[in-house]
Protein backbone atom coordinates (compact mmCIF):
# COMPACT_ATOMS: atom_id res chain seq x y z
CA MET A 1 -7.78 -1.91 1.66
CA GLU A 2 -10.93 -0.02 0.82
CA GLU A 3 -12.50 -0.72 -2.56
CA TRP A 4 -12.53 2.92 -3.73
CA LEU A 5 -8.76 3.18 -3.21
CA LEU A 6 -8.13 -0.05 -5.08
CA SER A 7 -10.35 1.15 -7.95
CA ALA A 8 -8.49 4.47 -8.13
CA VAL A 9 -5.09 2.76 -8.34
CA MET A 10 -6.32 0.29 -10.96
CA ALA A 11 -7.73 3.14 -13.06
CA MET A 12 -4.29 4.80 -13.15
CA TYR A 13 -2.83 1.71 -14.81
CA LEU A 14 -5.70 0.85 -17.16
CA GLU A 15 -4.63 0.82 -20.84
CA GLU A 16 -1.24 2.33 -20.03
CA ASN A 17 0.96 3.07 -23.06
CA THR A 18 4.56 4.12 -23.44
CA VAL A 19 6.78 5.35 -26.27
CA ILE A 20 10.44 4.60 -26.87
CA THR A 21 12.33 7.08 -29.03
CA THR A 22 15.24 5.74 -31.08
CA ALA A 23 17.38 7.08 -33.90
CA TYR A 24 14.97 5.34 -36.29
CA GLY A 25 11.78 6.86 -34.86
CA ASN A 26 9.25 6.27 -32.11
CA THR A 27 7.88 2.91 -31.05
CA GLY A 28 4.75 2.78 -28.90
CA PHE A 29 3.33 -0.19 -27.01
CA GLU A 30 0.92 -1.04 -24.21
CA VAL A 31 2.33 -1.80 -20.76
CA ASN A 32 0.49 -4.65 -19.05
CA VAL A 33 2.65 -5.30 -15.96
CA GLY A 34 4.75 -3.40 -13.45
CA MET A 35 4.73 0.12 -12.05
CA HIS A 36 5.46 3.41 -13.73
CA GLN A 37 9.18 4.10 -13.53
CA GLY A 38 9.82 6.86 -11.00
CA SER A 39 6.21 6.83 -9.81
CA GLY A 40 5.57 8.17 -6.33
CA LEU A 41 2.78 5.63 -6.08
CA SER A 42 5.18 2.68 -5.80
CA PRO A 43 6.52 3.47 -2.30
CA LEU A 44 3.02 4.47 -1.17
CA LEU A 45 1.57 1.13 -2.26
CA PHE A 46 4.43 -0.65 -0.50
CA VAL A 47 3.67 1.17 2.76
CA ILE A 48 -0.07 0.46 2.47
CA VAL A 49 0.50 -3.25 1.91
CA MET A 50 3.09 -3.53 4.69
CA GLU A 51 0.75 -1.69 7.08
CA ALA A 52 -2.08 -4.11 6.28
CA ILE A 53 0.16 -7.14 6.72
CA SER A 54 1.91 -5.99 9.89
CA SER A 55 -1.28 -4.87 11.66
CA GLU A 56 -2.01 -8.55 12.36
CA PHE A 57 1.32 -9.01 14.17
CA ARG A 58 1.67 -5.91 16.31
CA ILE A 59 3.14 -6.40 19.77
CA ALA A 60 3.29 -3.61 22.32
CA TYR A 61 6.29 -3.96 24.62
CA ASP A 62 5.65 -0.71 26.44
CA LEU A 63 1.91 -1.00 27.09
CA VAL A 64 0.53 0.25 30.41
CA VAL A 65 -2.94 -0.65 31.66
CA ILE A 66 -4.29 1.40 34.56
CA ALA A 67 -7.16 0.22 36.76
CA ASP A 68 -8.57 0.93 40.23
CA SER A 69 -8.89 -2.75 41.15
CA GLU A 70 -7.64 -6.17 40.08
CA GLN A 71 -11.08 -7.06 38.71
CA GLN A 72 -11.12 -3.90 36.58
CA LEU A 73 -7.64 -4.74 35.33
CA VAL A 74 -8.75 -8.22 34.27
CA THR A 75 -11.72 -6.84 32.35
CA LYS A 76 -9.54 -4.30 30.50
CA THR A 77 -7.05 -6.85 29.18
């Protein structure tokens, strides 16, 4: 993952606060772990991480290599 993207995501969660409203008033506190509930960023981060992990294990079952000679075929693979 590129550093600028990681920095942007980290900045979104820096000093994150939330407020809970009850019958007795509001209670605010800092959130130090987890993702924002309902955040569209959560599935995006999942896809980015899975893409990075799975890129090491890709297997092409339908790959076709075209060459004019056997020697050219060997050099392409």
